[in-house]
Amino acid sequence: MNLFLYLSVVLIWGTTWIAIYAQQSAGISAVTVAVFWRFLLASLVMLLLLKLTKRLHRLTL
């Protein structure tokens, strides 16, 4: 399982830089905008995974 998770991270992290480069070279968006979308998508995926595995807890102050 650890190997699968590691390879998933390597594959996803490595391919997002290709997408950022393609957006920048095509003049579609600035690097900061591409990075913003990258982190937004990653956070939404993480929230979904936490919700599905019932590990998402409310923060208490």
PDB file of N, CA and C in Angstrom:
ATOM      1  N   MET A   1       0.825  -1.192   0.000  1.00  0.00           N
ATOM      2  CA  MET A   1       0.000   0.000   0.000  1.00  0.00           C
ATOM      3  C   MET A   1       0.867   1.252   0.000  1.00  0.00           C
ATOM      4  N   ASN A   2       1.950   1.237   0.786  1.00  0.00           N
ATOM      5  CA  ASN A   2       2.824   2.403   0.834  1.00  0.00           C
ATOM      6  C   ASN A   2       3.459   2.683  -0.519  1.00  0.00           C
ATOM      7  N   LEU A   3       3.839   1.634  -1.221  1.00  0.00           N
ATOM      8  CA  LEU A   3       4.433   1.813  -2.545  1.00  0.00           C
ATOM      9  C   LEU A   3       3.415   2.429  -3.502  1.00  0.00           C
ATOM     10  N   PHE A   4       2.177   1.971  -3.446  1.00  0.00           N
ATOM     11  CA  PHE A   4       1.123   2.535  -4.290  1.00  0.00           C
ATOM     12  C   PHE A   4       0.916   4.014  -3.987  1.00  0.00           C
ATOM     13  N   LEU A   5       0.850   4.368  -2.708  1.00  0.00           N
ATOM     14  CA  LEU A   5       0.662   5.768  -2.332  1.00  0.00           C
ATOM     15  C   LEU A   5       1.846   6.621  -2.770  1.00  0.00           C
ATOM     16  N   TYR A   6       3.045   6.105  -2.594  1.00  0.00           N
ATOM     17  CA  TYR A   6       4.243   6.833  -3.008  1.00  0.00           C
ATOM     18  C   TYR A   6       4.251   7.064  -4.516  1.00  0.00           C
ATOM     19  N   LEU A   7       3.977   6.022  -5.283  1.00  0.00           N
ATOM     20  CA  LEU A   7       3.962   6.156  -6.738  1.00  0.00           C
ATOM     21  C   LEU A   7       2.847   7.090  -7.206  1.00  0.00           C
ATOM     22  N   SER A   8       1.733   7.086  -6.515  1.00  0.00           N
ATOM     23  CA  SER A   8       0.647   8.013  -6.854  1.00  0.00           C
ATOM     24  C   SER A   8       1.080   9.457  -6.664  1.00  0.00           C
ATOM     25  N   VAL A   9       1.734   9.729  -5.553  1.00  0.00           N
ATOM     26  CA  VAL A   9       2.213  11.089  -5.288  1.00  0.00           C
ATOM     27  C   VAL A   9       3.241  11.504  -6.324  1.00  0.00           C
ATOM     28  N   VAL A  10       4.174  10.628  -6.628  1.00  0.00           N
ATOM     29  CA  VAL A  10       5.209  10.946  -7.615  1.00  0.00           C
ATOM     30  C   VAL A  10       4.586  11.214  -8.979  1.00  0.00           C
ATOM     31  N   LEU A  11       3.653  10.386  -9.389  1.00  0.00           N
ATOM     32  CA  LEU A  11       3.013  10.556 -10.693  1.00  0.00           C
ATOM     33  C   LEU A  11       2.197  11.845 -10.756  1.00  0.00           C
ATOM     34  N   ILE A  12       1.385  12.084  -9.754  1.00  0.00           N
ATOM     35  CA  ILE A  12       0.537  13.280  -9.756  1.00  0.00           C
ATOM     36  C   ILE A  12       1.382  14.537  -9.638  1.00  0.00           C
ATOM     37  N   TRP A  13       2.331  14.556  -8.723  1.00  0.00           N
ATOM     38  CA  TRP A  13       3.168  15.740  -8.525  1.00  0.00           C
ATOM     39  C   TRP A  13       3.994  16.031  -9.777  1.00  0.00           C
ATOM     40  N   GLY A  14       4.500  15.011 -10.414  1.00  0.00           N
ATOM     41  CA  GLY A  14       5.325  15.208 -11.599  1.00  0.00           C
ATOM     42  C   GLY A  14       4.549  15.685 -12.804  1.00  0.00           C
ATOM     43  N   THR A  15       3.326  15.228 -12.964  1.00  0.00           N
ATOM     44  CA  THR A  15       2.561  15.626 -14.145  1.00  0.00           C
ATOM     45  C   THR A  15       1.946  17.012 -14.016  1.00  0.00           C
ATOM     46  N   THR A  16       1.735  17.492 -12.804  1.00  0.00           N
ATOM     47  CA  THR A  16       1.151  18.826 -12.677  1.00  0.00           C
ATOM     48  C   THR A  16       2.109  19.900 -13.167  1.00  0.00           C
ATOM     49  N   TRP A  17       3.404  19.661 -13.021  1.00  0.00           N
ATOM     50  CA  TRP A  17       4.369  20.647 -13.514  1.00  0.00           C
ATOM     51  C   TRP A  17       4.352  20.708 -15.035  1.00  0.00           C
ATOM     52  N   ILE A  18       4.084  19.592 -15.671  1.00  0.00           N
ATOM     53  CA  ILE A  18       3.953  19.585 -17.131  1.00  0.00           C
ATOM     54  C   ILE A  18       2.741  20.422 -17.540  1.00  0.00           C
ATOM     55  N   ALA A  19       1.652  20.289 -16.820  1.00  0.00           N
ATOM     56  CA  ALA A  19       0.452  21.077 -17.120  1.00  0.00           C
ATOM     57  C   ALA A  19       0.701  22.564 -16.899  1.00  0.00           C
ATOM     58  N   ILE A  20       1.411  22.913 -15.831  1.00  0.00           N
ATOM     59  CA  ILE A  20       1.731  24.320 -15.575  1.00  0.00           C
ATOM     60  C   ILE A  20       2.599  24.870 -16.691  1.00  0.00           C
ATOM     61  N   TYR A  21       3.589  24.118 -17.117  1.00  0.00           N
ATOM     62  CA  TYR A  21       4.465  24.559 -18.208  1.00  0.00           C
ATOM     63  C   TYR A  21       3.674  24.739 -19.503  1.00  0.00           C
ATOM     64  N   ALA A  22       2.766  23.815 -19.779  1.00  0.00           N
ATOM     65  CA  ALA A  22       1.961  23.907 -21.000  1.00  0.00           C
ATOM     66  C   ALA A  22       1.058  25.137 -20.969  1.00  0.00           C
ATOM     67  N   GLN A  23       0.474  25.434 -19.816  1.00  0.00           N
ATOM     68  CA  GLN A  23      -0.368  26.620 -19.697  1.00  0.00           C
ATOM     69  C   GLN A  23       0.447  27.891 -19.882  1.00  0.00           C
ATOM     70  N   GLN A  24       1.643  27.912 -19.305  1.00  0.00           N
ATOM     71  CA  GLN A  24       2.475  29.104 -19.389  1.00  0.00           C
ATOM     72  C   GLN A  24       2.982  29.311 -20.814  1.00  0.00           C
ATOM     73  N   SER A  25       3.427  28.265 -21.465  1.00  0.00           N
ATOM     74  CA  SER A  25       3.976  28.415 -22.811  1.00  0.00           C
ATOM     75  C   SER A  25       2.890  28.746 -23.829  1.00  0.00           C
ATOM     76  N   ALA A  26       1.663  28.322 -23.577  1.00  0.00           N
ATOM     77  CA  ALA A  26       0.560  28.641 -24.483  1.00  0.00           C
ATOM     78  C   ALA A  26      -0.020  30.022 -24.197  1.00  0.00           C
ATOM     79  N   GLY A  27       0.407  30.634 -23.098  1.00  0.00           N
ATOM     80  CA  GLY A  27      -0.099  31.955 -22.744  1.00  0.00           C
ATOM     81  C   GLY A  27      -1.496  31.933 -22.168  1.00  0.00           C
ATOM     82  N   ILE A  28      -1.933  30.779 -21.693  1.00  0.00           N
ATOM     83  CA  ILE A  28      -3.289  30.655 -21.153  1.00  0.00           C
ATOM     84  C   ILE A  28      -3.403  31.341 -19.796  1.00  0.00           C
ATOM     85  N   SER A  29      -2.432  31.110 -18.914  1.00  0.00           N
ATOM     86  CA  SER A  29      -2.494  31.711 -17.585  1.00  0.00           C
ATOM     87  C   SER A  29      -1.090  31.888 -17.026  1.00  0.00           C
ATOM     88  N   ALA A  30      -1.004  32.715 -16.003  1.00  0.00           N
ATOM     89  CA  ALA A  30       0.269  32.944 -15.332  1.00  0.00           C
ATOM     90  C   ALA A  30       0.607  31.744 -14.450  1.00  0.00           C
ATOM     91  N   VAL A  31       1.862  31.649 -14.076  1.00  0.00           N
ATOM     92  CA  VAL A  31       2.312  30.529 -13.236  1.00  0.00           C
ATOM     93  C   VAL A  31       1.584  30.535 -11.900  1.00  0.00           C
ATOM     94  N   THR A  32       1.415  31.707 -11.307  1.00  0.00           N
ATOM     95  CA  THR A  32       0.757  31.769  -9.998  1.00  0.00           C
ATOM     96  C   THR A  32      -0.692  31.292 -10.068  1.00  0.00           C
ATOM     97  N   VAL A  33      -1.363  31.580 -11.160  1.00  0.00           N
ATOM     98  CA  VAL A  33      -2.746  31.111 -11.326  1.00  0.00           C
ATOM     99  C   VAL A  33      -2.769  29.593 -11.465  1.00  0.00           C
ATOM    100  N   ALA A  34      -1.842  29.048 -12.225  1.00  0.00           N
ATOM    101  CA  ALA A  34      -1.770  27.596 -12.399  1.00  0.00           C
ATOM    102  C   ALA A  34      -1.461  26.901 -11.072  1.00  0.00           C
ATOM    103  N   VAL A  35      -0.569  27.482 -10.291  1.00  0.00           N
ATOM    104  CA  VAL A  35      -0.239  26.904  -8.985  1.00  0.00           C
ATOM    105  C   VAL A  35      -1.444  26.991  -8.053  1.00  0.00           C
ATOM    106  N   PHE A  36      -2.165  28.101  -8.110  1.00  0.00           N
ATOM    107  CA  PHE A  36      -3.382  28.234  -7.304  1.00  0.00           C
ATOM    108  C   PHE A  36      -4.363  27.107  -7.615  1.00  0.00           C
ATOM    109  N   TRP A  37      -4.619  26.861  -8.897  1.00  0.00           N
ATOM    110  CA  TRP A  37      -5.550  25.805  -9.290  1.00  0.00           C
ATOM    111  C   TRP A  37      -5.042  24.438  -8.872  1.00  0.00           C
ATOM    112  N   ARG A  38      -3.728  24.274  -8.937  1.00  0.00           N
ATOM    113  CA  ARG A  38      -3.125  22.997  -8.535  1.00  0.00           C
ATOM    114  C   ARG A  38      -3.383  22.720  -7.054  1.00  0.00           C
ATOM    115  N   PHE A  39      -3.151  23.715  -6.213  1.00  0.00           N
ATOM    116  CA  PHE A  39      -3.356  23.534  -4.781  1.00  0.00           C
ATOM    117  C   PHE A  39      -4.836  23.441  -4.427  1.00  0.00           C
ATOM    118  N   LEU A  40      -5.674  24.177  -5.128  1.00  0.00           N
ATOM    119  CA  LEU A  40      -7.109  24.086  -4.881  1.00  0.00           C
ATOM    120  C   LEU A  40      -7.624  22.686  -5.200  1.00  0.00           C
ATOM    121  N   LEU A  41      -7.249  22.166  -6.341  1.00  0.00           N
ATOM    122  CA  LEU A  41      -7.670  20.819  -6.726  1.00  0.00           C
ATOM    123  C   LEU A  41      -7.139  19.777  -5.739  1.00  0.00           C
ATOM    124  N   ALA A  42      -5.886  19.921  -5.326  1.00  0.00           N
ATOM    125  CA  ALA A  42      -5.306  18.972  -4.368  1.00  0.00           C
ATOM    126  C   ALA A  42      -6.041  19.014  -3.034  1.00  0.00           C
ATOM    127  N   SER A  43      -6.392  20.206  -2.570  1.00  0.00           N
ATOM    128  CA  SER A  43      -7.090  20.301  -1.290  1.00  0.00           C
ATOM    129  C   SER A  43      -8.498  19.719  -1.377  1.00  0.00           C
ATOM    130  N   LEU A  44      -9.165  19.913  -2.503  1.00  0.00           N
ATOM    131  CA  LEU A  44     -10.498  19.327  -2.664  1.00  0.00           C
ATOM    132  C   LEU A  44     -10.437  17.801  -2.722  1.00  0.00           C
ATOM    133  N   VAL A  45      -9.443  17.270  -3.389  1.00  0.00           N
ATOM    134  CA  VAL A  45      -9.267  15.812  -3.443  1.00  0.00           C
ATOM    135  C   VAL A  45      -8.978  15.268  -2.048  1.00  0.00           C
ATOM    136  N   MET A  46      -8.121  15.961  -1.297  1.00  0.00           N
ATOM    137  CA  MET A  46      -7.809  15.506   0.063  1.00  0.00           C
ATOM    138  C   MET A  46      -9.042  15.552   0.960  1.00  0.00           C
ATOM    139  N   LEU A  47      -9.827  16.616   0.858  1.00  0.00           N
ATOM    140  CA  LEU A  47     -11.052  16.695   1.653  1.00  0.00           C
ATOM    141  C   LEU A  47     -12.017  15.572   1.297  1.00  0.00           C
ATOM    142  N   LEU A  48     -12.143  15.285   0.021  1.00  0.00           N
ATOM    143  CA  LEU A  48     -13.015  14.194  -0.412  1.00  0.00           C
ATOM    144  C   LEU A  48     -12.533  12.850   0.130  1.00  0.00           C
ATOM    145  N   LEU A  49     -11.231  12.604   0.041  1.00  0.00           N
ATOM    146  CA  LEU A  49     -10.688  11.343   0.560  1.00  0.00           C
ATOM    147  C   LEU A  49     -10.877  11.228   2.068  1.00  0.00           C
ATOM    148  N   LEU A  50     -10.665  12.316   2.784  1.00  0.00           N
ATOM    149  CA  LEU A  50     -10.875  12.290   4.229  1.00  0.00           C
ATOM    150  C   LEU A  50     -12.340  12.048   4.571  1.00  0.00           C
ATOM    151  N   LYS A  51     -13.219  12.646   3.806  1.00  0.00           N
ATOM    152  CA  LYS A  51     -14.654  12.454   4.046  1.00  0.00           C
ATOM    153  C   LYS A  51     -15.070  11.010   3.760  1.00  0.00           C
ATOM    154  N   LEU A  52     -14.565  10.451   2.666  1.00  0.00           N
ATOM    155  CA  LEU A  52     -14.921   9.075   2.303  1.00  0.00           C
ATOM    156  C   LEU A  52     -14.382   8.056   3.297  1.00  0.00           C
ATOM    157  N   THR A  53     -13.213   8.319   3.866  1.00  0.00           N
ATOM    158  CA  THR A  53     -12.629   7.386   4.831  1.00  0.00           C
ATOM    159  C   THR A  53     -13.038   7.705   6.267  1.00  0.00           C
ATOM    160  N   LYS A  54     -13.913   8.700   6.415  1.00  0.00           N
ATOM    161  CA  LYS A  54     -14.427   9.122   7.727  1.00  0.00           C
ATOM    162  C   LYS A  54     -13.309   9.546   8.674  1.00  0.00           C
ATOM    163  N   ARG A  55     -12.325  10.227   8.135  1.00  0.00           N
ATOM    164  CA  ARG A  55     -11.235  10.766   8.949  1.00  0.00           C
ATOM    165  C   ARG A  55     -11.292  12.288   9.046  1.00  0.00           C
ATOM    166  N   LEU A  56     -12.324  12.876   8.480  1.00  0.00           N
ATOM    167  CA  LEU A  56     -12.492  14.321   8.531  1.00  0.00           C
ATOM    168  C   LEU A  56     -13.186  14.677   9.835  1.00  0.00           C
ATOM    169  N   HIS A  57     -12.501  15.413  10.686  1.00  0.00           N
ATOM    170  CA  HIS A  57     -13.028  15.777  11.996  1.00  0.00           C
ATOM    171  C   HIS A  57     -13.240  17.282  12.058  1.00  0.00           C
ATOM    172  N   ARG A  58     -14.190  17.691  12.865  1.00  0.00           N
ATOM    173  CA  ARG A  58     -14.412  19.117  13.080  1.00  0.00           C
ATOM    174  C   ARG A  58     -13.298  19.675  13.957  1.00  0.00           C
ATOM    175  N   LEU A  59     -12.912  20.894  13.652  1.00  0.00           N
ATOM    176  CA  LEU A  59     -11.920  21.561  14.480  1.00  0.00           C
ATOM    177  C   LEU A  59     -12.611  22.175  15.685  1.00  0.00           C
ATOM    178  N   THR A  60     -12.033  21.985  16.843  1.00  0.00           N
ATOM    179  CA  THR A  60     -12.591  22.582  18.051  1.00  0.00           C
ATOM    180  C   THR A  60     -11.637  23.645  18.553  1.00  0.00           C
ATOM    181  N   LEU A  61     -12.206  24.713  19.026  1.00  0.00           N
ATOM    182  CA  LEU A  61     -11.389  25.815  19.545  1.00  0.00           C
ATOM    183  C   LEU A  61     -11.298  25.780  21.038  1.00  0.00           C
TER     184      LEU A  61
END
